[in-house]
C-alpha atoms as a PDB file:
ATOM      1  CA  MET A   1     -50.057 -28.334  72.545  1.00  0.00           C
ATOM      2  CA  ASP A   2     -47.684 -25.457  71.640  1.00  0.00           C
ATOM      3  CA  ASP A   3     -47.383 -22.396  73.235  1.00  0.00           C
ATOM      4  CA  MET A   4     -49.814 -20.260  71.229  1.00  0.00           C
ATOM      5  CA  ASP A   5     -52.779 -23.208  71.824  1.00  0.00           C
ATOM      6  CA  LYS A   6     -51.770 -22.715  75.355  1.00  0.00           C
ATOM      7  CA  TYR A   7     -52.238 -19.015  75.335  1.00  0.00           C
ATOM      8  CA  PHE A   8     -55.539 -19.306  73.426  1.00  0.00           C
ATOM      9  CA  ALA A   9     -56.995 -22.193  75.701  1.00  0.00           C
ATOM     10  CA  SER A  10     -56.113 -20.259  78.754  1.00  0.00           C
ATOM     11  CA  ASN A  11     -57.912 -16.911  77.402  1.00  0.00           C
ATOM     12  CA  GLN A  12     -60.912 -19.249  76.077  1.00  0.00           C
ATOM     13  CA  GLU A  13     -61.464 -20.536  79.764  1.00  0.00           C
ATOM     14  CA  LEU A  14     -60.867 -17.149  81.214  1.00  0.00           C
ATOM     15  CA  TRP A  15     -63.907 -15.898  79.101  1.00  0.00           C
ATOM     16  CA  ASP A  16     -66.018 -18.858  79.407  1.00  0.00           C
ATOM     17  CA  GLU A  17     -66.086 -18.030  83.240  1.00  0.00           C
ATOM     18  CA  TRP A  18     -66.202 -14.268  82.690  1.00  0.00           C
ATOM     19  CA  THR A  19     -69.460 -14.835  80.396  1.00  0.00           C
ATOM     20  CA  GLY A  20     -71.528 -15.917  83.354  1.00  0.00           C
ATOM     21  CA  ILE A  21     -70.235 -13.063  85.468  1.00  0.00           C
ATOM     22  CA  HIS A  22     -71.013 -10.212  82.811  1.00  0.00           C
ATOM     23  CA  GLU A  23     -74.393 -11.785  82.239  1.00  0.00           C
ATOM     24  CA  LYS A  24     -75.478 -10.633  85.386  1.00  0.00           C
ATOM     25  CA  SER A  25     -73.377  -7.174  85.690  1.00  0.00           C
ATOM     26  CA  GLU A  26     -74.236  -3.737  85.918  1.00  0.00           C
ATOM     27  CA  PHE A  27     -71.761  -3.192  83.367  1.00  0.00           C
ATOM     28  CA  TYR A  28     -73.581  -5.031  80.465  1.00  0.00           C
ATOM     29  CA  ASP A  29     -77.102  -4.237  81.732  1.00  0.00           C
ATOM     30  CA  LEU A  30     -78.525  -6.968  79.985  1.00  0.00           C
ATOM     31  CA  PRO A  31     -82.054  -6.544  81.406  1.00  0.00           C
ATOM     32  CA  GLY A  32     -81.824  -2.964  80.165  1.00  0.00           C
ATOM     33  CA  PHE A  33     -80.973  -4.474  76.482  1.00  0.00           C
ATOM     34  CA  LYS A  34     -83.743  -6.785  76.553  1.00  0.00           C
ATOM     35  CA  ALA A  35     -85.854  -4.010  77.211  1.00  0.00           C
ATOM     36  CA  GLY A  36     -84.720  -2.134  74.047  1.00  0.00           C
ATOM     37  CA  ARG A  37     -81.623  -0.432  74.828  1.00  0.00           C
ATOM     38  CA  LEU A  38     -78.949  -0.574  72.147  1.00  0.00           C
ATOM     39  CA  ALA A  39     -75.700  -1.762  73.164  1.00  0.00           C
ATOM     40  CA  LEU A  40     -73.600   0.401  70.926  1.00  0.00           C
ATOM     41  CA  ASP A  41     -72.227   3.839  71.805  1.00  0.00           C
ATOM     42  CA  ALA A  42     -72.482   7.026  69.699  1.00  0.00           C
ATOM     43  CA  LEU A  43     -69.148   6.643  68.138  1.00  0.00           C
ATOM     44  CA  GLU A  44     -69.934   3.145  66.914  1.00  0.00           C
ATOM     45  CA  ARG A  45     -73.375   4.238  65.563  1.00  0.00           C
ATOM     46  CA  ALA A  46     -71.617   7.352  63.910  1.00  0.00           C
ATOM     47  CA  GLU A  47     -68.894   5.017  62.370  1.00  0.00           C
ATOM     48  CA  VAL A  48     -70.535   2.447  61.034  1.00  0.00           C
ATOM     49  CA  GLY A  49     -73.923   4.358  59.760  1.00  0.00           C
ATOM     50  CA  ASP A  50     -76.895   2.836  58.273  1.00  0.00           C
ATOM     51  CA  VAL A  51     -76.887  -1.000  58.229  1.00  0.00           C
ATOM     52  CA  ASN A  52     -80.342  -1.713  57.211  1.00  0.00           C
ATOM     53  CA  GLY A  53     -80.676  -4.497  55.030  1.00  0.00           C
ATOM     54  CA  LYS A  54     -76.886  -4.870  54.726  1.00  0.00           C
ATOM     55  CA  THR A  55     -74.900  -8.141  55.881  1.00  0.00           C
ATOM     56  CA  LEU A  56     -72.542  -7.403  58.960  1.00  0.00           C
ATOM     57  CA  LEU A  57     -69.691  -9.871  60.373  1.00  0.00           C
ATOM     58  CA  HIS A  58     -69.076  -9.125  64.163  1.00  0.00           C
ATOM     59  CA  LEU A  59     -65.484 -10.239  65.232  1.00  0.00           C
ATOM     60  CA  GLN A  60     -65.148 -11.278  68.565  1.00  0.00           C
ATOM     61  CA  CYS A  61     -68.747 -10.433  69.780  1.00  0.00           C
ATOM     62  CA  HIS A  62     -68.817 -11.935  73.420  1.00  0.00           C
ATOM     63  CA  PHE A  63     -72.208 -12.709  74.177  1.00  0.00           C
ATOM     64  CA  GLY A  64     -73.905 -10.736  71.251  1.00  0.00           C
ATOM     65  CA  MET A  65     -75.472  -7.727  72.671  1.00  0.00           C
ATOM     66  CA  SER A  66     -73.812  -5.481  70.173  1.00  0.00           C
ATOM     67  CA  THR A  67     -74.069  -7.894  67.196  1.00  0.00           C
ATOM     68  CA  LEU A  68     -77.986  -8.100  68.408  1.00  0.00           C
ATOM     69  CA  SER A  69     -78.024  -4.308  68.367  1.00  0.00           C
ATOM     70  CA  TRP A  70     -76.925  -4.066  65.095  1.00  0.00           C
ATOM     71  CA  ALA A  71     -79.785  -6.569  64.181  1.00  0.00           C
ATOM     72  CA  ARG A  72     -82.175  -4.362  65.819  1.00  0.00           C
ATOM     73  CA  LEU A  73     -81.047  -1.699  63.434  1.00  0.00           C
ATOM     74  CA  GLY A  74     -81.972  -3.850  60.177  1.00  0.00           C
ATOM     75  CA  ALA A  75     -78.493  -5.676  59.708  1.00  0.00           C
ATOM     76  CA  ILE A  76     -78.369  -9.447  58.676  1.00  0.00           C
ATOM     77  CA  VAL A  77     -75.924 -10.514  61.421  1.00  0.00           C
ATOM     78  CA  THR A  78     -73.181 -13.034  62.220  1.00  0.00           C
ATOM     79  CA  GLY A  79     -71.383 -12.917  65.719  1.00  0.00           C
ATOM     80  CA  VAL A  80     -67.974 -14.961  66.110  1.00  0.00           C
ATOM     81  CA  ASP A  81     -66.519 -15.449  69.241  1.00  0.00           C
ATOM     82  CA  PHE A  82     -63.961 -18.336  70.744  1.00  0.00           C
ATOM     83  CA  SER A  83     -66.023 -18.711  74.037  1.00  0.00           C
ATOM     84  CA  GLU A  84     -68.568 -21.434  73.663  1.00  0.00           C
ATOM     85  CA  LYS A  85     -70.168 -20.145  77.008  1.00  0.00           C
ATOM     86  CA  ALA A  86     -70.641 -16.741  75.125  1.00  0.00           C
ATOM     87  CA  ILE A  87     -72.078 -18.060  72.025  1.00  0.00           C
ATOM     88  CA  THR A  88     -74.438 -19.841  73.827  1.00  0.00           C
ATOM     89  CA  LEU A  89     -75.740 -16.878  75.445  1.00  0.00           C
ATOM     90  CA  ALA A  90     -75.813 -15.091  72.184  1.00  0.00           C
ATOM     91  CA  ARG A  91     -77.929 -17.441  70.770  1.00  0.00           C
ATOM     92  CA  SER A  92     -80.320 -17.859  73.872  1.00  0.00           C
ATOM     93  CA  ILE A  93     -80.943 -13.939  73.944  1.00  0.00           C
ATOM     94  CA  GLY A  94     -81.498 -13.406  70.384  1.00  0.00           C
ATOM     95  CA  GLU A  95     -83.834 -16.600  70.557  1.00  0.00           C
ATOM     96  CA  GLU A  96     -85.642 -15.172  73.624  1.00  0.00           C
ATOM     97  CA  LEU A  97     -86.193 -11.589  72.094  1.00  0.00           C
ATOM     98  CA  GLY A  98     -86.963 -13.200  68.629  1.00  0.00           C
ATOM     99  CA  ILE A  99     -83.977 -11.144  66.796  1.00  0.00           C
ATOM    100  CA  PRO A 100     -82.600 -13.228  63.827  1.00  0.00           C
ATOM    101  CA  ALA A 101     -78.925 -13.646  64.092  1.00  0.00           C
ATOM    102  CA  THR A 102     -76.341 -16.142  63.331  1.00  0.00           C
ATOM    103  CA  PHE A 103     -73.255 -16.980  65.993  1.00  0.00           C
ATOM    104  CA  VAL A 104     -70.363 -19.083  65.153  1.00  0.00           C
ATOM    105  CA  GLN A 105     -67.774 -20.105  67.942  1.00  0.00           C
ATOM    106  CA  ALA A 106     -64.339 -19.656  66.503  1.00  0.00           C
ATOM    107  CA  ASN A 107     -60.956 -18.634  67.005  1.00  0.00           C
ATOM    108  CA  ILE A 108     -60.508 -15.534  64.592  1.00  0.00           C
ATOM    109  CA  TYR A 109     -57.693 -17.376  62.908  1.00  0.00           C
ATOM    110  CA  ASP A 110     -59.685 -20.366  61.986  1.00  0.00           C
ATOM    111  CA  LEU A 111     -62.781 -18.809  60.696  1.00  0.00           C
ATOM    112  CA  PRO A 112     -61.970 -19.329  56.916  1.00  0.00           C
ATOM    113  CA  ALA A 113     -62.384 -23.213  57.639  1.00  0.00           C
ATOM    114  CA  VAL A 114     -65.456 -22.582  60.135  1.00  0.00           C
ATOM    115  CA  LEU A 115     -67.652 -20.162  57.901  1.00  0.00           C
ATOM    116  CA  ASP A 116     -68.692 -20.634  54.546  1.00  0.00           C
ATOM    117  CA  ALA A 117     -67.615 -17.263  52.799  1.00  0.00           C
ATOM    118  CA  LYS A 118     -69.574 -18.143  49.500  1.00  0.00           C
ATOM    119  CA  GLU A 119     -71.493 -14.971  50.290  1.00  0.00           C
ATOM    120  CA  ALA A 120     -69.102 -12.359  51.679  1.00  0.00           C
ATOM    121  CA  PHE A 121     -70.280  -9.436  53.826  1.00  0.00           C
ATOM    122  CA  ASP A 122     -70.819  -5.818  53.344  1.00  0.00           C
ATOM    123  CA  ILE A 123     -69.696  -5.099  56.544  1.00  0.00           C
ATOM    124  CA  VAL A 124     -67.289  -6.441  59.087  1.00  0.00           C
ATOM    125  CA  PHE A 125     -67.023  -5.151  62.338  1.00  0.00           C
ATOM    126  CA  THR A 126     -65.146  -5.262  65.454  1.00  0.00           C
ATOM    127  CA  SER A 127     -64.989  -2.822  68.628  1.00  0.00           C
ATOM    128  CA  TYR A 128     -63.464  -2.137  71.940  1.00  0.00           C
ATOM    129  CA  GLY A 129     -60.699  -4.716  73.749  1.00  0.00           C
ATOM    130  CA  VAL A 130     -60.279  -6.801  70.662  1.00  0.00           C
ATOM    131  CA  LEU A 131     -57.098  -6.680  69.326  1.00  0.00           C
ATOM    132  CA  TYR A 132     -54.966  -7.092  72.497  1.00  0.00           C
ATOM    133  CA  TRP A 133     -56.502 -10.722  72.470  1.00  0.00           C
ATOM    134  CA  LEU A 134     -54.689 -11.547  69.338  1.00  0.00           C
ATOM    135  CA  PRO A 135     -51.175 -12.322  68.540  1.00  0.00           C
ATOM    136  CA  ASP A 136     -50.986 -11.625  64.839  1.00  0.00           C
ATOM    137  CA  MET A 137     -52.164  -8.589  62.841  1.00  0.00           C
ATOM    138  CA  PRO A 138     -51.255  -9.908  59.333  1.00  0.00           C
ATOM    139  CA  ALA A 139     -53.183 -12.769  59.787  1.00  0.00           C
ATOM    140  CA  TRP A 140     -56.058 -11.092  61.304  1.00  0.00           C
ATOM    141  CA  ALA A 141     -56.292  -8.708  58.589  1.00  0.00           C
ATOM    142  CA  LYS A 142     -56.031 -11.708  56.093  1.00  0.00           C
ATOM    143  CA  VAL A 143     -59.244 -13.050  57.926  1.00  0.00           C
ATOM    144  CA  VAL A 144     -61.035  -9.697  57.854  1.00  0.00           C
ATOM    145  CA  ALA A 145     -60.412  -9.102  53.808  1.00  0.00           C
ATOM    146  CA  HIS A 146     -61.169 -12.766  53.303  1.00  0.00           C
ATOM    147  CA  PHE A 147     -65.083 -11.967  54.650  1.00  0.00           C
ATOM    148  CA  LEU A 148     -65.488  -8.720  52.709  1.00  0.00           C
ATOM    149  CA  LYS A 149     -67.552  -8.577  49.437  1.00  0.00           C
ATOM    150  CA  PRO A 150     -65.664  -6.098  47.022  1.00  0.00           C
ATOM    151  CA  GLY A 151     -66.390  -2.708  48.111  1.00  0.00           C
ATOM    152  CA  GLY A 152     -67.565  -4.085  51.558  1.00  0.00           C
ATOM    153  CA  VAL A 153     -66.645  -2.118  54.477  1.00  0.00           C
ATOM    154  CA  PHE A 154     -64.482  -2.780  57.507  1.00  0.00           C
ATOM    155  CA  HIS A 155     -64.597  -0.900  60.684  1.00  0.00           C
ATOM    156  CA  VAL A 156     -62.154  -1.349  63.549  1.00  0.00           C
ATOM    157  CA  ILE A 157     -63.026   0.736  66.933  1.00  0.00           C
ATOM    158  CA  ASP A 158     -60.803   0.106  69.801  1.00  0.00           C
ATOM    159  CA  SER A 159     -58.777   1.750  72.754  1.00  0.00           C
ATOM    160  CA  HIS A 160     -55.487   3.510  71.299  1.00  0.00           C
ATOM    161  CA  PRO A 161     -52.292   1.462  71.395  1.00  0.00           C
ATOM    162  CA  PHE A 162     -50.771   4.721  72.792  1.00  0.00           C
ATOM    163  CA  ALA A 163     -53.131   4.873  75.602  1.00  0.00           C
ATOM    164  CA  HIS A 164     -51.786   1.401  76.530  1.00  0.00           C
ATOM    165  CA  VAL A 165     -48.296   2.423  77.620  1.00  0.00           C
ATOM    166  CA  PHE A 166     -49.560   4.369  80.653  1.00  0.00           C
ATOM    167  CA  ASP A 167     -49.869   2.760  84.106  1.00  0.00           C
ATOM    168  CA  ASP A 168     -53.679   1.960  84.715  1.00  0.00           C
ATOM    169  CA  GLU A 169     -53.330   2.168  88.408  1.00  0.00           C
ATOM    170  CA  ALA A 170     -51.728   5.566  88.778  1.00  0.00           C
ATOM    171  CA  GLN A 171     -53.014   7.812  91.167  1.00  0.00           C
ATOM    172  CA  ASP A 172     -51.740  11.375  90.140  1.00  0.00           C
ATOM    173  CA  MET A 173     -50.315  11.412  86.846  1.00  0.00           C
ATOM    174  CA  LEU A 174     -49.562   9.440  83.683  1.00  0.00           C
ATOM    175  CA  ARG A 175     -46.584   7.308  83.889  1.00  0.00           C
ATOM    176  CA  VAL A 176     -45.186   5.126  81.202  1.00  0.00           C
ATOM    177  CA  ARG A 177     -45.372   1.461  82.548  1.00  0.00           C
ATOM    178  CA  TYR A 178     -45.720  -0.969  79.419  1.00  0.00           C
ATOM    179  CA  PRO A 179     -44.323  -1.304  75.896  1.00  0.00           C
ATOM    180  CA  TYR A 180     -45.786   0.297  72.984  1.00  0.00           C
ATOM    181  CA  PHE A 181     -44.201  -2.112  70.379  1.00  0.00           C
ATOM    182  CA  HIS A 182     -45.147  -5.693  69.590  1.00  0.00           C
ATOM    183  CA  ALA A 183     -43.296  -8.592  70.659  1.00  0.00           C
ATOM    184  CA  PRO A 184     -44.365 -12.306  69.663  1.00  0.00           C
ATOM    185  CA  GLU A 185     -44.564 -13.495  73.415  1.00  0.00           C
ATOM    186  CA  PRO A 186     -47.601 -12.457  75.162  1.00  0.00           C
ATOM    187  CA  MET A 187     -47.653 -10.039  77.971  1.00  0.00           C
ATOM    188  CA  GLU A 188     -48.923 -12.163  81.127  1.00  0.00           C
ATOM    189  CA  TRP A 189     -51.010 -11.061  83.832  1.00  0.00           C
ATOM    190  CA  GLU A 190     -52.668 -12.063  86.975  1.00  0.00           C
ATOM    191  CA  VAL A 191     -56.254 -10.502  87.081  1.00  0.00           C
ATOM    192  CA  VAL A 192     -58.702  -9.965  89.677  1.00  0.00           C
ATOM    193  CA  GLY A 193     -62.280 -10.364  88.812  1.00  0.00           C
ATOM    194  CA  THR A 194     -63.108  -9.087  85.404  1.00  0.00           C
ATOM    195  CA  TYR A 195     -63.051  -5.476  83.915  1.00  0.00           C
ATOM    196  CA  ALA A 196     -66.779  -5.402  84.145  1.00  0.00           C
ATOM    197  CA  SER A 197     -67.280  -6.471  87.854  1.00  0.00           C
ATOM    198  CA  PRO A 198     -63.667  -6.485  89.858  1.00  0.00           C
ATOM    199  CA  GLU A 199     -65.293  -7.474  93.018  1.00  0.00           C
ATOM    200  CA  SER A 200     -66.354 -11.062  91.528  1.00  0.00           C
ATOM    201  CA  TYR A 201     -64.847 -14.078  92.576  1.00  0.00           C
ATOM    202  CA  THR A 202     -63.296 -15.826  89.780  1.00  0.00           C
ATOM    203  CA  GLU A 203     -61.199 -19.042  89.626  1.00  0.00           C
ATOM    204  CA  LYS A 204     -59.473 -18.504  86.059  1.00  0.00           C
ATOM    205  CA  ASN A 205     -57.180 -15.506  87.035  1.00  0.00           C
ATOM    206  CA  ILE A 206     -54.201 -15.490  84.057  1.00  0.00           C
ATOM    207  CA  GLU A 207     -54.857 -13.484  81.134  1.00  0.00           C
ATOM    208  CA  TYR A 208     -52.254 -13.455  78.133  1.00  0.00           C
ATOM    209  CA  GLY A 209     -52.348 -10.091  75.601  1.00  0.00           C
ATOM    210  CA  TRP A 210     -50.440  -8.703  72.852  1.00  0.00           C
ATOM    211  CA  GLN A 211     -49.779  -5.196  72.183  1.00  0.00           C
ATOM    212  CA  HIS A 212     -49.659  -3.565  68.595  1.00  0.00           C
ATOM    213  CA  SER A 213     -48.720  -0.330  67.437  1.00  0.00           C
ATOM    214  CA  LEU A 214     -51.167   1.499  65.320  1.00  0.00           C
ATOM    215  CA  GLY A 215     -48.536   0.990  62.446  1.00  0.00           C
ATOM    216  CA  ASP A 216     -49.005  -2.730  62.737  1.00  0.00           C
ATOM    217  CA  ILE A 217     -52.760  -2.414  62.580  1.00  0.00           C
ATOM    218  CA  VAL A 218     -52.699  -0.259  59.593  1.00  0.00           C
ATOM    219  CA  ASN A 219     -50.078  -1.724  57.764  1.00  0.00           C
ATOM    220  CA  ALA A 220     -51.540  -5.246  58.027  1.00  0.00           C
ATOM    221  CA  LEU A 221     -54.791  -4.136  56.623  1.00  0.00           C
ATOM    222  CA  THR A 222     -52.941  -2.593  53.690  1.00  0.00           C
ATOM    223  CA  ASP A 223     -51.223  -5.702  53.168  1.00  0.00           C
ATOM    224  CA  ALA A 224     -54.201  -7.647  52.798  1.00  0.00           C
ATOM    225  CA  GLY A 225     -55.514  -5.464  50.176  1.00  0.00           C
ATOM    226  CA  LEU A 226     -57.690  -2.952  52.089  1.00  0.00           C
ATOM    227  CA  ARG A 227     -58.060   0.701  51.424  1.00  0.00           C
ATOM    228  CA  ILE A 228     -57.992   2.929  54.475  1.00  0.00           C
ATOM    229  CA  GLU A 229     -60.406   5.705  54.121  1.00  0.00           C
ATOM    230  CA  HIS A 230     -59.928   6.937  57.627  1.00  0.00           C
ATOM    231  CA  LEU A 231     -58.273   6.711  60.603  1.00  0.00           C
ATOM    232  CA  LYS A 232     -59.521   8.740  63.380  1.00  0.00           C
ATOM    233  CA  GLU A 233     -58.207   9.663  67.063  1.00  0.00           C
ATOM    234  CA  TYR A 234     -60.233  10.573  69.995  1.00  0.00           C
ATOM    235  CA  PRO A 235     -59.180  11.837  73.378  1.00  0.00           C
ATOM    236  CA  TYR A 236     -61.780   9.453  75.275  1.00  0.00           C
ATOM    237  CA  ALA A 237     -62.621   5.964  75.919  1.00  0.00           C
ATOM    238  CA  SER A 238     -65.771   4.074  76.405  1.00  0.00           C
ATOM    239  CA  TRP A 239     -64.711   2.985  79.896  1.00  0.00           C
ATOM    240  CA  SER A 240     -62.269   4.326  82.860  1.00  0.00           C
ATOM    241  CA  MET A 241     -58.782   3.366  81.465  1.00  0.00           C
ATOM    242  CA  TYR A 242     -56.993   4.962  84.407  1.00  0.00           C
ATOM    243  CA  SER A 243     -59.412   4.890  87.422  1.00  0.00           C
ATOM    244  CA  ALA A 244     -57.954   7.668  89.183  1.00  0.00           C
ATOM    245  CA  LEU A 245     -57.287   9.899  86.346  1.00  0.00           C
ATOM    246  CA  THR A 246     -60.349   9.958  84.201  1.00  0.00           C
ATOM    247  CA  GLU A 247     -64.094  11.280  84.671  1.00  0.00           C
ATOM    248  CA  ARG A 248     -67.038  10.559  82.694  1.00  0.00           C
ATOM    249  CA  ARG A 249     -68.575  13.700  80.890  1.00  0.00           C
ATOM    250  CA  ASP A 250     -72.005  14.034  79.530  1.00  0.00           C
ATOM    251  CA  ASP A 251     -71.463  12.439  76.185  1.00  0.00           C
ATOM    252  CA  GLY A 252     -71.209   9.225  78.118  1.00  0.00           C
ATOM    253  CA  PHE A 253     -67.523   8.555  77.636  1.00  0.00           C
ATOM    254  CA  TRP A 254     -64.374   8.675  79.846  1.00  0.00           C
ATOM    255  CA  TRP A 255     -61.874  11.806  79.431  1.00  0.00           C
ATOM    256  CA  LEU A 256     -58.799  12.625  81.333  1.00  0.00           C
ATOM    257  CA  LYS A 257     -59.555  15.013  84.400  1.00  0.00           C
ATOM    258  CA  GLU A 258     -59.783  18.781  83.558  1.00  0.00           C
ATOM    259  CA  GLY A 259     -56.242  20.225  83.663  1.00  0.00           C
ATOM    260  CA  MET A 260     -54.455  16.990  82.505  1.00  0.00           C
ATOM    261  CA  GLY A 261     -54.745  17.918  78.685  1.00  0.00           C
ATOM    262  CA  ASN A 262     -55.541  15.336  76.191  1.00  0.00           C
ATOM    263  CA  ILE A 263     -54.129  11.851  74.509  1.00  0.00           C
ATOM    264  CA  PRO A 264     -55.525   9.772  72.102  1.00  0.00           C
ATOM    265  CA  MET A 265     -57.634   7.043  74.055  1.00  0.00           C
ATOM    266  CA  THR A 266     -59.661   5.380  71.176  1.00  0.00           C
ATOM    267  CA  TYR A 267     -59.164   5.226  67.333  1.00  0.00           C
ATOM    268  CA  ALA A 268     -61.628   4.434  64.413  1.00  0.00           C
ATOM    269  CA  ILE A 269     -60.330   2.817  61.125  1.00  0.00           C
ATOM    270  CA  ARG A 270     -62.781   2.482  58.058  1.00  0.00           C
ATOM    271  CA  ALA A 271     -61.268   0.307  55.326  1.00  0.00           C
ATOM    272  CA  THR A 272     -62.667  -0.768  51.836  1.00  0.00           C
ATOM    273  CA  LYS A 273     -61.953  -3.776  49.612  1.00  0.00           C
END
C-alpha cells in the first residue's frame, strides 16, 4: 500500500465510523428528513435550479440525504461515496421512504471504471466539505467532465479556500494559521468526535486533508474542457467555521459577528461541458 492508499483507507475508516454517529445526530436530523424536510439549503437550491426530470450525479454524497432531496424535487439521482457504511445507509433510507435512487460505493478517482457512463448526466453536483478530502484537482475535474453530457452543468458549492487559512479555534479575532496553497502531502489532524457531534466518542481519530486554492479549482475545471459560467463568493457559511467568531442569522447561514467585517466563506461555481 502506497502513502496515498493509506490516506484514503484511513479517511474511509473515519467516515465509516462517522456515518453511524451522523445517522443519530441532531445536526443531520434524519427523523425530520424522513418526515419530509429537504436536506438542501437555499444556496444549493438557487444554484442548481429546477431538476425535475433531469439526471443528476451527486459526488461525495455521504449517506444520501441531499441526493434523496434532489430526487424528491424530481431528479433521477445517482449518489457516490467511498464509505461502504454511508452507501448502505443511503440505500436503506431510500428504500424505506420509497424514493428511487442509485447509490454507488467508489473512490471518486475510480468512478469511471465503476459506473457505466454510456448515458452521461444532465447535472453533476457536489457540495460542502468535499474538496478538502481530495488530493488531486486535475484528476477530479476529469471525472466531472467524464460524466457530464454535452451541454450538461456542473455545480460545486463549498467552503471558500481563503476562509480555511484562519484559526478555527480563535476566540477574539481572525488569525492566519493554515496554508492557502496546495501541497502534495496532506495535512494530518487528530480529531475528537465529528463536526456534527463533537462530544461523541470515536475510535478513528486521524484525518488527512488537502488545501486547494480557488485558482487550482477553476484551472482544473477549465483544463478538463469545462466552461466556467460563473464563480460566486458569499460572506457566510452553512456551518459555524469559527465557533467563537460567527453567529447564525435569520437566513440560516453563519456570518462573522457584527463589527468583524466580511470575508469570503463560501463559493459556488457553475460550469458547462
